[in-house]
């Protein structure tokens, strides 16, 4: 399986959870970023340095009724 990635040039103050929130809209998805970047394991803060790979993941399916007008939900 070939994984596609975006790249992120880290700055001081970046953290895996904040990057997950920025790219995925959910900080709990930071495991994808940590798995793609073993050098981040155990580091809470991502200081300026090597480029971070951000895996492109399929978005989770929307719950039923999301995006529908109230009378259709």
N, C-alpha and C. Protein backbone atom coordinates (compact mmCIF):
# COMPACT_ATOMS: atom_id res chain seq x y z
N UNK A 1 0.84 -1.19 0.00
CA UNK A 1 0.00 0.00 0.00
C UNK A 1 0.88 1.24 0.00
N UNK A 2 0.65 2.13 -0.94
CA UNK A 2 1.43 3.36 -1.05
C UNK A 2 0.68 4.47 -0.33
N UNK A 3 1.38 5.09 0.61
CA UNK A 3 0.78 6.18 1.39
C UNK A 3 1.21 7.50 0.77
N UNK A 4 0.26 8.41 0.65
CA UNK A 4 0.57 9.75 0.16
C UNK A 4 0.69 10.69 1.35
N UNK A 5 1.56 11.68 1.22
CA UNK A 5 1.84 12.59 2.31
C UNK A 5 1.82 14.04 1.85
N UNK A 6 1.45 14.90 2.75
CA UNK A 6 1.72 16.33 2.65
C UNK A 6 2.99 16.53 3.46
N UNK A 7 3.65 17.64 3.29
CA UNK A 7 4.81 17.93 4.13
C UNK A 7 4.54 19.20 4.92
N UNK A 8 5.12 19.23 6.12
CA UNK A 8 4.95 20.38 7.00
C UNK A 8 6.32 20.76 7.53
N UNK A 9 6.71 22.01 7.33
CA UNK A 9 7.97 22.49 7.89
C UNK A 9 7.67 23.00 9.30
N UNK A 10 8.16 22.29 10.32
CA UNK A 10 7.79 22.65 11.69
C UNK A 10 8.39 23.97 12.15
N UNK A 11 7.67 24.60 13.06
CA UNK A 11 8.14 25.80 13.71
C UNK A 11 8.08 25.55 15.22
N UNK A 12 8.78 26.37 15.97
CA UNK A 12 8.75 26.21 17.42
C UNK A 12 7.31 26.29 17.91
N UNK A 13 6.96 25.39 18.81
CA UNK A 13 5.63 25.36 19.37
C UNK A 13 4.70 24.36 18.70
N UNK A 14 5.09 23.82 17.54
CA UNK A 14 4.26 22.78 16.91
C UNK A 14 4.25 21.55 17.80
N UNK A 15 3.12 20.88 17.85
CA UNK A 15 2.99 19.61 18.57
C UNK A 15 2.19 18.67 17.69
N UNK A 16 2.41 17.36 17.82
CA UNK A 16 1.66 16.42 16.98
C UNK A 16 0.14 16.59 17.10
N UNK A 17 -0.37 16.85 18.30
CA UNK A 17 -1.82 17.00 18.43
C UNK A 17 -2.33 18.26 17.72
N UNK A 18 -1.55 19.33 17.77
CA UNK A 18 -1.96 20.56 17.09
C UNK A 18 -1.90 20.39 15.57
N UNK A 19 -0.88 19.64 15.10
CA UNK A 19 -0.80 19.38 13.67
C UNK A 19 -1.98 18.53 13.21
N UNK A 20 -2.35 17.53 14.01
CA UNK A 20 -3.49 16.68 13.66
C UNK A 20 -4.77 17.53 13.60
N UNK A 21 -4.94 18.42 14.55
CA UNK A 21 -6.12 19.29 14.54
C UNK A 21 -6.12 20.18 13.29
N UNK A 22 -4.94 20.71 12.97
CA UNK A 22 -4.83 21.61 11.81
C UNK A 22 -5.15 20.88 10.50
N UNK A 23 -4.56 19.68 10.32
CA UNK A 23 -4.72 18.98 9.05
C UNK A 23 -5.95 18.08 8.98
N UNK A 24 -6.38 17.53 10.11
CA UNK A 24 -7.49 16.58 10.10
C UNK A 24 -8.74 17.10 10.80
N UNK A 25 -8.60 18.20 11.55
CA UNK A 25 -9.73 18.70 12.30
C UNK A 25 -10.01 17.93 13.57
N UNK A 26 -9.07 17.06 13.98
CA UNK A 26 -9.26 16.21 15.15
C UNK A 26 -7.89 15.89 15.76
N UNK A 27 -7.62 16.43 16.93
CA UNK A 27 -6.33 16.21 17.59
C UNK A 27 -6.11 14.74 17.93
N UNK A 28 -7.18 13.98 18.07
CA UNK A 28 -7.05 12.55 18.40
C UNK A 28 -6.48 11.73 17.25
N UNK A 29 -6.35 12.32 16.08
CA UNK A 29 -5.80 11.62 14.91
C UNK A 29 -4.28 11.75 14.83
N UNK A 30 -3.64 12.25 15.90
CA UNK A 30 -2.19 12.47 15.84
C UNK A 30 -1.40 11.18 15.66
N UNK A 31 -1.99 10.03 15.94
CA UNK A 31 -1.30 8.75 15.75
C UNK A 31 -0.84 8.56 14.31
N UNK A 32 -1.60 9.06 13.34
CA UNK A 32 -1.19 8.96 11.93
C UNK A 32 0.11 9.71 11.71
N UNK A 33 0.22 10.87 12.31
CA UNK A 33 1.43 11.69 12.16
C UNK A 33 2.60 11.05 12.88
N UNK A 34 2.37 10.55 14.09
CA UNK A 34 3.45 9.90 14.84
C UNK A 34 3.94 8.64 14.15
N UNK A 35 3.05 7.85 13.58
CA UNK A 35 3.46 6.64 12.87
C UNK A 35 4.30 6.95 11.64
N UNK A 36 4.01 8.04 10.97
CA UNK A 36 4.75 8.42 9.76
C UNK A 36 6.07 9.11 10.08
N UNK A 37 6.25 9.52 11.34
CA UNK A 37 7.44 10.27 11.74
C UNK A 37 8.00 9.70 13.04
N UNK A 38 8.68 8.55 12.98
CA UNK A 38 9.17 7.91 14.21
C UNK A 38 10.08 8.83 15.04
N UNK A 39 10.73 9.79 14.41
CA UNK A 39 11.61 10.69 15.16
C UNK A 39 10.84 11.59 16.13
N UNK A 40 9.51 11.65 16.01
CA UNK A 40 8.71 12.47 16.92
C UNK A 40 8.27 11.71 18.16
N UNK A 41 8.36 10.39 18.15
CA UNK A 41 7.88 9.59 19.27
C UNK A 41 8.51 10.06 20.58
N UNK A 42 7.67 10.31 21.56
CA UNK A 42 8.15 10.71 22.88
C UNK A 42 8.44 12.19 23.00
N UNK A 43 8.38 12.92 21.91
CA UNK A 43 8.63 14.35 21.94
C UNK A 43 7.31 15.09 21.91
N UNK A 44 7.04 15.83 22.97
CA UNK A 44 5.79 16.58 23.02
C UNK A 44 5.83 17.78 22.09
N UNK A 45 6.96 18.46 22.02
CA UNK A 45 7.10 19.65 21.19
C UNK A 45 7.91 19.30 19.95
N UNK A 46 7.44 19.75 18.80
CA UNK A 46 8.15 19.54 17.55
C UNK A 46 8.88 20.84 17.24
N UNK A 47 10.16 20.89 17.53
CA UNK A 47 10.94 22.10 17.30
C UNK A 47 11.24 22.25 15.81
N UNK A 48 11.64 23.44 15.39
CA UNK A 48 12.03 23.65 14.00
C UNK A 48 13.09 22.63 13.62
N UNK A 49 12.96 22.04 12.48
CA UNK A 49 13.90 21.00 12.09
C UNK A 49 13.43 20.25 10.88
N UNK A 50 13.59 18.91 10.90
CA UNK A 50 13.25 18.11 9.71
C UNK A 50 11.77 18.25 9.33
N UNK A 51 11.53 18.17 8.05
CA UNK A 51 10.17 18.22 7.54
C UNK A 51 9.36 17.06 8.11
N UNK A 52 8.12 17.33 8.45
CA UNK A 52 7.23 16.33 9.01
C UNK A 52 6.29 15.86 7.90
N UNK A 53 6.15 14.53 7.79
CA UNK A 53 5.22 13.96 6.82
C UNK A 53 3.83 13.90 7.45
N UNK A 54 2.85 14.40 6.72
CA UNK A 54 1.45 14.38 7.17
C UNK A 54 0.71 13.42 6.23
N UNK A 55 0.37 12.21 6.72
CA UNK A 55 -0.33 11.26 5.85
C UNK A 55 -1.69 11.80 5.40
N UNK A 56 -2.01 11.55 4.16
CA UNK A 56 -3.33 11.89 3.65
C UNK A 56 -4.22 10.71 3.99
N UNK A 57 -5.24 10.96 4.81
CA UNK A 57 -6.15 9.89 5.23
C UNK A 57 -7.54 10.17 4.72
N UNK A 58 -8.31 9.11 4.57
CA UNK A 58 -9.70 9.28 4.18
C UNK A 58 -10.47 9.87 5.35
N UNK A 59 -11.30 10.86 5.10
CA UNK A 59 -12.08 11.42 6.21
C UNK A 59 -13.10 10.40 6.70
N UNK A 60 -13.41 10.42 7.98
CA UNK A 60 -14.44 9.50 8.47
C UNK A 60 -15.79 9.88 7.87
N UNK A 61 -16.67 8.90 7.70
CA UNK A 61 -17.98 9.23 7.14
C UNK A 61 -18.75 10.16 8.07
N UNK A 62 -19.49 11.05 7.48
CA UNK A 62 -20.29 11.99 8.27
C UNK A 62 -21.44 11.23 8.93
N UNK A 63 -21.76 11.60 10.16
CA UNK A 63 -22.92 10.97 10.82
C UNK A 63 -24.19 11.24 10.02
N UNK A 64 -25.17 10.37 10.13
CA UNK A 64 -26.42 10.58 9.39
C UNK A 64 -27.03 11.94 9.72
N UNK A 65 -27.48 12.62 8.69
CA UNK A 65 -28.15 13.89 8.88
C UNK A 65 -27.23 15.10 8.84
N UNK A 66 -25.91 14.90 8.89
CA UNK A 66 -24.99 16.05 8.86
C UNK A 66 -25.03 16.67 7.47
N UNK A 67 -25.19 17.96 7.43
CA UNK A 67 -25.22 18.69 6.18
C UNK A 67 -26.62 18.79 5.58
N UNK A 68 -27.59 18.14 6.19
CA UNK A 68 -28.95 18.23 5.72
C UNK A 68 -29.68 19.35 6.44
N UNK A 69 -30.66 19.95 5.82
CA UNK A 69 -31.45 20.96 6.51
C UNK A 69 -32.20 20.31 7.67
N UNK A 70 -32.54 21.05 8.71
CA UNK A 70 -33.17 20.48 9.90
C UNK A 70 -34.41 19.64 9.61
N UNK A 71 -35.20 20.01 8.62
CA UNK A 71 -36.42 19.25 8.35
C UNK A 71 -36.14 17.94 7.63
N UNK A 72 -34.87 17.73 7.16
CA UNK A 72 -34.51 16.47 6.50
C UNK A 72 -33.66 15.58 7.38
N UNK A 73 -33.10 16.12 8.45
CA UNK A 73 -32.18 15.36 9.31
C UNK A 73 -32.88 14.30 10.12
